[in-house]
Amino acid sequence: MQEADFFLAIRKLLFAQIALIVFVTSGALGFFSIQAAKSAFLGGLIGFLPNAYFSFKISRSRGVTAQQILRSFYTGETVKLIITAVLFISVFQLPGILFAPLFFAFVVVISVFWFALLGNQLN
């Protein structure tokens, strides 16, 4: 995969995550309640924001050595996990958060990368 194709694929995955946040939040609002929609939206953001950071971090690695890319990858992944933990801790402090929609949206959003990897293995 060429470098330009790689960054285009990452951009598509991030847009897919945003679309799923909108879809799951709308579904929670339509079928359940505003509180469920709020929880789903926050869960989706918890999945999306660390990935957006990581993508930004990796995209800044263009034209550097393999060792620098690897260091950037490990740093980005570590910070991504810290951001995820901080976001979960912060959201749990909010009143009225429903855990099922929050976790459902989180898993749906991060599963975009899992299915992309699975689809790539099938080709």
C-alpha atoms as a PDB file:
ATOM      1  CA  MET A   1       0.000   0.000   0.000  1.00  0.00           C
ATOM      2  CA  GLN A   2       1.396   3.364  -0.954  1.00  0.00           C
ATOM      3  CA  GLU A   3       1.711   6.134   1.606  1.00  0.00           C
ATOM      4  CA  ALA A   4      -1.059   8.257   0.036  1.00  0.00           C
ATOM      5  CA  ASP A   5      -3.396   5.234  -0.014  1.00  0.00           C
ATOM      6  CA  PHE A   6      -2.619   4.550   3.646  1.00  0.00           C
ATOM      7  CA  PHE A   7      -3.577   8.064   4.749  1.00  0.00           C
ATOM      8  CA  LEU A   8      -6.699   8.004   2.565  1.00  0.00           C
ATOM      9  CA  ALA A   9      -7.721   4.720   4.216  1.00  0.00           C
ATOM     10  CA  ILE A  10      -7.207   6.219   7.690  1.00  0.00           C
ATOM     11  CA  ARG A  11      -9.324   9.237   6.732  1.00  0.00           C
ATOM     12  CA  LYS A  12     -12.098   6.931   5.476  1.00  0.00           C
ATOM     13  CA  LEU A  13     -12.009   4.945   8.717  1.00  0.00           C
ATOM     14  CA  LEU A  14     -12.305   8.123  10.801  1.00  0.00           C
ATOM     15  CA  PHE A  15     -15.258   9.298   8.713  1.00  0.00           C
ATOM     16  CA  ALA A  16     -16.857   5.864   9.134  1.00  0.00           C
ATOM     17  CA  GLN A  17     -16.456   6.243  12.897  1.00  0.00           C
ATOM     18  CA  ILE A  18     -18.153   9.647  12.798  1.00  0.00           C
ATOM     19  CA  ALA A  19     -20.999   8.186  10.734  1.00  0.00           C
ATOM     20  CA  LEU A  20     -21.443   5.382  13.262  1.00  0.00           C
ATOM     21  CA  ILE A  21     -21.517   7.864  16.141  1.00  0.00           C
ATOM     22  CA  VAL A  22     -24.331   9.721  14.388  1.00  0.00           C
ATOM     23  CA  PHE A  23     -26.143   6.472  13.552  1.00  0.00           C
ATOM     24  CA  VAL A  24     -25.921   4.941  17.039  1.00  0.00           C
ATOM     25  CA  THR A  25     -26.787   8.229  18.746  1.00  0.00           C
ATOM     26  CA  SER A  26     -29.801   8.696  16.460  1.00  0.00           C
ATOM     27  CA  GLY A  27     -30.904   5.131  17.091  1.00  0.00           C
ATOM     28  CA  ALA A  28     -30.619   5.583  20.846  1.00  0.00           C
ATOM     29  CA  LEU A  29     -32.650   8.781  20.611  1.00  0.00           C
ATOM     30  CA  GLY A  30     -35.284   7.237  18.349  1.00  0.00           C
ATOM     31  CA  PHE A  31     -35.740   3.994  20.246  1.00  0.00           C
ATOM     32  CA  PHE A  32     -34.869   4.929  23.815  1.00  0.00           C
ATOM     33  CA  SER A  33     -34.326   8.377  25.339  1.00  0.00           C
ATOM     34  CA  ILE A  34     -32.307  11.556  25.254  1.00  0.00           C
ATOM     35  CA  GLN A  35     -30.218  10.165  28.125  1.00  0.00           C
ATOM     36  CA  ALA A  36     -29.447   7.025  26.126  1.00  0.00           C
ATOM     37  CA  ALA A  37     -28.526   9.182  23.115  1.00  0.00           C
ATOM     38  CA  LYS A  38     -26.260  11.374  25.247  1.00  0.00           C
ATOM     39  CA  SER A  39     -24.561   8.291  26.671  1.00  0.00           C
ATOM     40  CA  ALA A  40     -24.151   6.735  23.213  1.00  0.00           C
ATOM     41  CA  PHE A  41     -22.723   9.986  21.837  1.00  0.00           C
ATOM     42  CA  LEU A  42     -20.183  10.190  24.652  1.00  0.00           C
ATOM     43  CA  GLY A  43     -19.251   6.531  24.212  1.00  0.00           C
ATOM     44  CA  GLY A  44     -18.728   7.134  20.512  1.00  0.00           C
ATOM     45  CA  LEU A  45     -16.534  10.137  21.240  1.00  0.00           C
ATOM     46  CA  ILE A  46     -14.479   8.088  23.692  1.00  0.00           C
ATOM     47  CA  GLY A  47     -13.789   5.689  20.839  1.00  0.00           C
ATOM     48  CA  PHE A  48     -13.239   8.346  18.182  1.00  0.00           C
ATOM     49  CA  LEU A  49     -11.131  11.062  19.833  1.00  0.00           C
ATOM     50  CA  PRO A  50      -8.151   8.852  20.794  1.00  0.00           C
ATOM     51  CA  ASN A  51      -8.134   7.355  17.294  1.00  0.00           C
ATOM     52  CA  ALA A  52      -8.228  10.821  15.735  1.00  0.00           C
ATOM     53  CA  TYR A  53      -5.249  11.807  17.913  1.00  0.00           C
ATOM     54  CA  PHE A  54      -3.373   8.649  16.947  1.00  0.00           C
ATOM     55  CA  SER A  55      -4.079   9.217  13.249  1.00  0.00           C
ATOM     56  CA  PHE A  56      -2.813  12.778  13.531  1.00  0.00           C
ATOM     57  CA  LYS A  57       0.312  11.570  15.334  1.00  0.00           C
ATOM     58  CA  ILE A  58       1.049   8.950  12.673  1.00  0.00           C
ATOM     59  CA  SER A  59       0.327  11.335   9.797  1.00  0.00           C
ATOM     60  CA  ARG A  60       3.085  13.606  11.080  1.00  0.00           C
ATOM     61  CA  SER A  61       5.532  10.732  10.539  1.00  0.00           C
ATOM     62  CA  ARG A  62       5.785  11.198   6.787  1.00  0.00           C
ATOM     63  CA  GLY A  63       9.305  11.185   5.407  1.00  0.00           C
ATOM     64  CA  VAL A  64      11.094  10.054   8.573  1.00  0.00           C
ATOM     65  CA  THR A  65      13.120   6.949   9.345  1.00  0.00           C
ATOM     66  CA  ALA A  66      11.561   3.626  10.247  1.00  0.00           C
ATOM     67  CA  GLN A  67      12.861   3.977  13.811  1.00  0.00           C
ATOM     68  CA  GLN A  68      11.170   7.386  14.158  1.00  0.00           C
ATOM     69  CA  ILE A  69       7.918   5.976  12.758  1.00  0.00           C
ATOM     70  CA  LEU A  70       8.047   3.120  15.252  1.00  0.00           C
ATOM     71  CA  ARG A  71       8.735   5.514  18.134  1.00  0.00           C
ATOM     72  CA  SER A  72       5.860   7.721  16.958  1.00  0.00           C
ATOM     73  CA  PHE A  73       3.603   4.658  16.771  1.00  0.00           C
ATOM     74  CA  TYR A  74       4.396   3.512  20.312  1.00  0.00           C
ATOM     75  CA  THR A  75       4.104   7.015  21.728  1.00  0.00           C
ATOM     76  CA  GLY A  76       0.834   7.572  19.904  1.00  0.00           C
ATOM     77  CA  GLU A  77      -0.607   4.276  21.086  1.00  0.00           C
ATOM     78  CA  THR A  78       0.406   4.935  24.692  1.00  0.00           C
ATOM     79  CA  VAL A  79      -1.119   8.417  24.659  1.00  0.00           C
ATOM     80  CA  LYS A  80      -4.224   7.019  22.931  1.00  0.00           C
ATOM     81  CA  LEU A  81      -4.755   4.555  25.787  1.00  0.00           C
ATOM     82  CA  ILE A  82      -4.246   7.303  28.370  1.00  0.00           C
ATOM     83  CA  ILE A  83      -6.734   9.573  26.570  1.00  0.00           C
ATOM     84  CA  THR A  84      -9.264   6.727  26.476  1.00  0.00           C
ATOM     85  CA  ALA A  85      -8.891   6.097  30.216  1.00  0.00           C
ATOM     86  CA  VAL A  86      -9.155   9.804  31.072  1.00  0.00           C
ATOM     87  CA  LEU A  87     -12.257  10.170  28.903  1.00  0.00           C
ATOM     88  CA  PHE A  88     -13.936   7.158  30.531  1.00  0.00           C
ATOM     89  CA  ILE A  89     -13.109   8.455  34.011  1.00  0.00           C
ATOM     90  CA  SER A  90     -14.408  11.910  33.105  1.00  0.00           C
ATOM     91  CA  VAL A  91     -17.638  10.630  31.578  1.00  0.00           C
ATOM     92  CA  PHE A  92     -18.337   8.404  34.576  1.00  0.00           C
ATOM     93  CA  GLN A  93     -18.367  11.553  36.712  1.00  0.00           C
ATOM     94  CA  LEU A  94     -21.348  12.945  34.784  1.00  0.00           C
ATOM     95  CA  PRO A  95     -24.821  12.402  36.230  1.00  0.00           C
ATOM     96  CA  GLY A  96     -27.303  10.153  34.455  1.00  0.00           C
ATOM     97  CA  ILE A  97     -24.897   8.289  32.194  1.00  0.00           C
ATOM     98  CA  LEU A  98     -26.319   4.978  31.008  1.00  0.00           C
ATOM     99  CA  PHE A  99     -23.595   2.363  30.777  1.00  0.00           C
ATOM    100  CA  ALA A 100     -25.134   0.070  28.127  1.00  0.00           C
ATOM    101  CA  PRO A 101     -25.475   2.730  25.393  1.00  0.00           C
ATOM    102  CA  LEU A 102     -22.098   4.216  26.338  1.00  0.00           C
ATOM    103  CA  PHE A 103     -20.240   0.922  26.008  1.00  0.00           C
ATOM    104  CA  PHE A 104     -22.252  -0.190  22.980  1.00  0.00           C
ATOM    105  CA  ALA A 105     -21.346   2.967  21.055  1.00  0.00           C
ATOM    106  CA  PHE A 106     -17.715   2.728  22.178  1.00  0.00           C
ATOM    107  CA  VAL A 107     -17.420  -0.861  20.926  1.00  0.00           C
ATOM    108  CA  VAL A 108     -19.206  -0.073  17.656  1.00  0.00           C
ATOM    109  CA  VAL A 109     -16.897   2.859  16.947  1.00  0.00           C
ATOM    110  CA  ILE A 110     -13.647   1.048  17.715  1.00  0.00           C
ATOM    111  CA  SER A 111     -14.832  -2.032  15.807  1.00  0.00           C
ATOM    112  CA  VAL A 112     -14.457  -0.038  12.575  1.00  0.00           C
ATOM    113  CA  PHE A 113     -10.717  -0.721  12.720  1.00  0.00           C
ATOM    114  CA  TRP A 114     -11.252  -4.386  13.570  1.00  0.00           C
ATOM    115  CA  PHE A 115     -13.523  -4.921  10.575  1.00  0.00           C
ATOM    116  CA  ALA A 116     -11.180  -2.950   8.315  1.00  0.00           C
ATOM    117  CA  LEU A 117      -8.323  -5.244   9.347  1.00  0.00           C
ATOM    118  CA  LEU A 118     -10.505  -8.330   8.862  1.00  0.00           C
ATOM    119  CA  GLY A 119     -11.568  -7.110   5.426  1.00  0.00           C
ATOM    120  CA  ASN A 120      -7.940  -6.470   4.525  1.00  0.00           C
ATOM    121  CA  GLN A 121      -7.044 -10.052   5.511  1.00  0.00           C
ATOM    122  CA  LEU A 122      -9.730 -11.433   3.202  1.00  0.00           C
ATOM    123  CA  ASN A 123      -8.283  -9.733   0.100  1.00  0.00           C
END
